[in-house]
Protein backbone atom coordinates (compact mmCIF):
# COMPACT_ATOMS: atom_id res chain seq x y z
CA MET A 1 -35.46 -7.09 -72.50
CA THR A 2 -36.18 -10.78 -72.29
CA LEU A 3 -39.56 -12.28 -71.44
CA TYR A 4 -39.60 -14.73 -68.54
CA LEU A 5 -42.26 -17.11 -67.26
CA LEU A 6 -42.48 -17.23 -63.48
CA SER A 7 -44.68 -20.26 -62.78
CA VAL A 8 -46.05 -21.05 -59.35
CA HIS A 9 -45.94 -24.72 -58.43
CA GLY A 10 -47.97 -26.20 -55.61
CA VAL A 11 -50.60 -28.71 -54.63
CA ASP A 12 -54.21 -28.10 -55.63
CA GLU A 13 -55.75 -28.87 -52.27
CA GLY A 14 -54.56 -27.36 -49.04
CA SER A 15 -52.02 -24.94 -50.50
CA TYR A 16 -52.57 -22.61 -47.53
CA ALA A 17 -52.60 -23.65 -43.89
CA THR A 18 -55.46 -21.30 -43.00
CA PRO A 19 -57.93 -19.01 -44.77
CA GLU A 20 -55.97 -16.09 -43.31
CA ASP A 21 -52.79 -17.38 -45.00
CA MET A 22 -54.65 -17.45 -48.30
CA LYS A 23 -55.94 -13.88 -47.84
CA ARG A 24 -52.43 -12.69 -46.96
CA ALA A 25 -50.98 -14.41 -50.05
CA PHE A 26 -53.61 -12.84 -52.33
CA ARG A 27 -52.88 -9.40 -50.82
CA ASP A 28 -49.12 -9.88 -51.11
CA VAL A 29 -49.40 -11.06 -54.72
CA GLU A 30 -51.43 -7.97 -55.64
CA GLU A 31 -48.74 -5.79 -54.01
CA LEU A 32 -46.10 -7.61 -56.06
CA ASN A 33 -48.18 -7.13 -59.22
CA GLU A 34 -48.27 -3.39 -58.52
CA GLN A 35 -44.47 -3.33 -58.07
CA LEU A 36 -44.06 -5.16 -61.38
CA ARG A 37 -46.32 -2.59 -63.09
CA GLN A 38 -44.50 0.37 -61.55
CA GLN A 39 -41.08 -1.02 -62.59
CA GLY A 40 -42.21 -1.74 -66.16
CA ALA A 41 -41.66 -5.49 -65.75
CA TRP A 42 -45.36 -6.47 -65.88
CA VAL A 43 -46.61 -8.20 -69.02
CA PHE A 44 -49.36 -10.56 -67.84
CA ALA A 45 -50.27 -12.79 -64.90
CA GLY A 46 -53.00 -15.20 -63.96
CA GLY A 47 -54.12 -17.79 -61.48
CA LEU A 48 -55.42 -21.14 -62.64
CA HIS A 49 -58.28 -23.34 -61.48
CA PRO A 50 -57.24 -26.73 -60.02
CA ALA A 51 -55.60 -29.26 -62.34
CA SER A 52 -58.71 -31.43 -62.06
CA THR A 53 -60.48 -28.91 -64.35
CA ALA A 54 -57.91 -29.39 -67.13
CA SER A 55 -58.39 -31.14 -70.45
CA VAL A 56 -55.65 -32.43 -72.72
CA VAL A 57 -55.94 -32.49 -76.51
CA ARG A 58 -53.63 -34.79 -78.49
CA ALA A 59 -53.19 -35.45 -82.18
CA THR A 60 -52.18 -39.08 -82.71
CA ASP A 61 -52.00 -40.68 -86.13
CA GLY A 62 -54.33 -38.02 -87.54
CA ALA A 63 -56.96 -38.50 -84.82
CA LEU A 64 -57.76 -35.89 -82.17
CA LEU A 65 -58.23 -37.18 -78.65
CA HIS A 66 -59.61 -35.14 -75.75
CA THR A 67 -59.06 -36.41 -72.20
CA ASP A 68 -60.10 -34.93 -68.87
CA GLY A 69 -57.56 -34.10 -66.23
CA PRO A 70 -54.02 -32.78 -66.23
CA TYR A 71 -51.34 -33.80 -68.72
CA LEU A 72 -49.11 -35.22 -65.99
CA GLU A 73 -50.09 -37.29 -62.98
CA SER A 74 -48.41 -35.35 -60.22
CA LYS A 75 -49.03 -34.02 -56.72
CA GLU A 76 -47.82 -30.57 -57.81
CA HIS A 77 -49.21 -28.52 -60.67
CA ILE A 78 -48.88 -25.00 -61.99
CA GLY A 79 -51.32 -22.90 -60.02
CA GLY A 80 -50.56 -19.53 -61.57
CA PHE A 81 -47.95 -17.55 -63.40
CA TRP A 82 -46.46 -14.22 -64.33
CA ILE A 83 -44.97 -13.24 -67.64
CA ILE A 84 -42.47 -10.48 -67.00
CA GLN A 85 -39.83 -8.48 -68.86
CA ALA A 86 -36.39 -8.39 -67.31
CA PRO A 87 -33.00 -7.25 -68.59
CA ASP A 88 -31.36 -10.53 -67.56
CA ARG A 89 -31.74 -13.79 -65.63
CA GLU A 90 -30.54 -12.24 -62.37
CA ALA A 91 -33.28 -9.60 -62.48
CA ALA A 92 -35.88 -12.30 -63.23
CA LEU A 93 -34.61 -14.32 -60.27
CA ARG A 94 -34.96 -11.28 -57.99
CA TRP A 95 -38.62 -10.97 -59.06
CA ALA A 96 -39.07 -14.71 -58.44
CA GLU A 97 -37.69 -14.29 -54.92
CA LYS A 98 -40.39 -11.70 -54.23
CA ALA A 99 -43.00 -13.89 -55.92
CA THR A 100 -42.25 -17.00 -53.87
CA VAL A 101 -42.60 -15.03 -50.64
CA ALA A 102 -45.81 -13.35 -51.81
CA CYS A 103 -47.63 -16.44 -53.08
CA GLN A 104 -46.15 -18.87 -50.53
CA GLY A 105 -45.26 -21.40 -53.23
CA ALA A 106 -42.28 -22.49 -55.29
CA VAL A 107 -41.68 -20.34 -58.38
CA GLU A 108 -39.89 -21.63 -61.48
CA VAL A 109 -38.11 -19.11 -63.73
CA ARG A 110 -37.81 -19.82 -67.47
CA PRO A 111 -36.90 -17.48 -70.31
CA PHE A 112 -38.97 -17.45 -73.47
CA GLN A 113 -37.21 -18.39 -76.69
CA ASP A 114 -36.23 -15.45 -78.86
CA ASP A 115 -38.75 -14.61 -81.55
CA THR A 116 -36.92 -15.32 -84.81
CA THR A 117 -40.00 -14.95 -87.02
CA ALA A 118 -40.16 -11.15 -86.94
């Protein structure tokens, strides 16, 4: 099984048209999470606070610099994610199809690199 990151991309403010849309998305995401658990694909998932709460730490010429705000200036940011196990890319894409409907946002699918240290 390969690990995949399913990352949800969207805008921080106004992601949902109405409070009811947000409630429906939260309910649908929890239903998807339960499906992932039942199918043995669940590893971990989480929602993130807005990008405005981020801090970036950089090491430059031996000095550590902390800055407030997201790493990239962008209208869209990662708002949440799943880490799942899937036998192949096609299976991961099928989970992403369910995820994009449930959370009402674009979902990027990326495999983790193989662990060659073990």
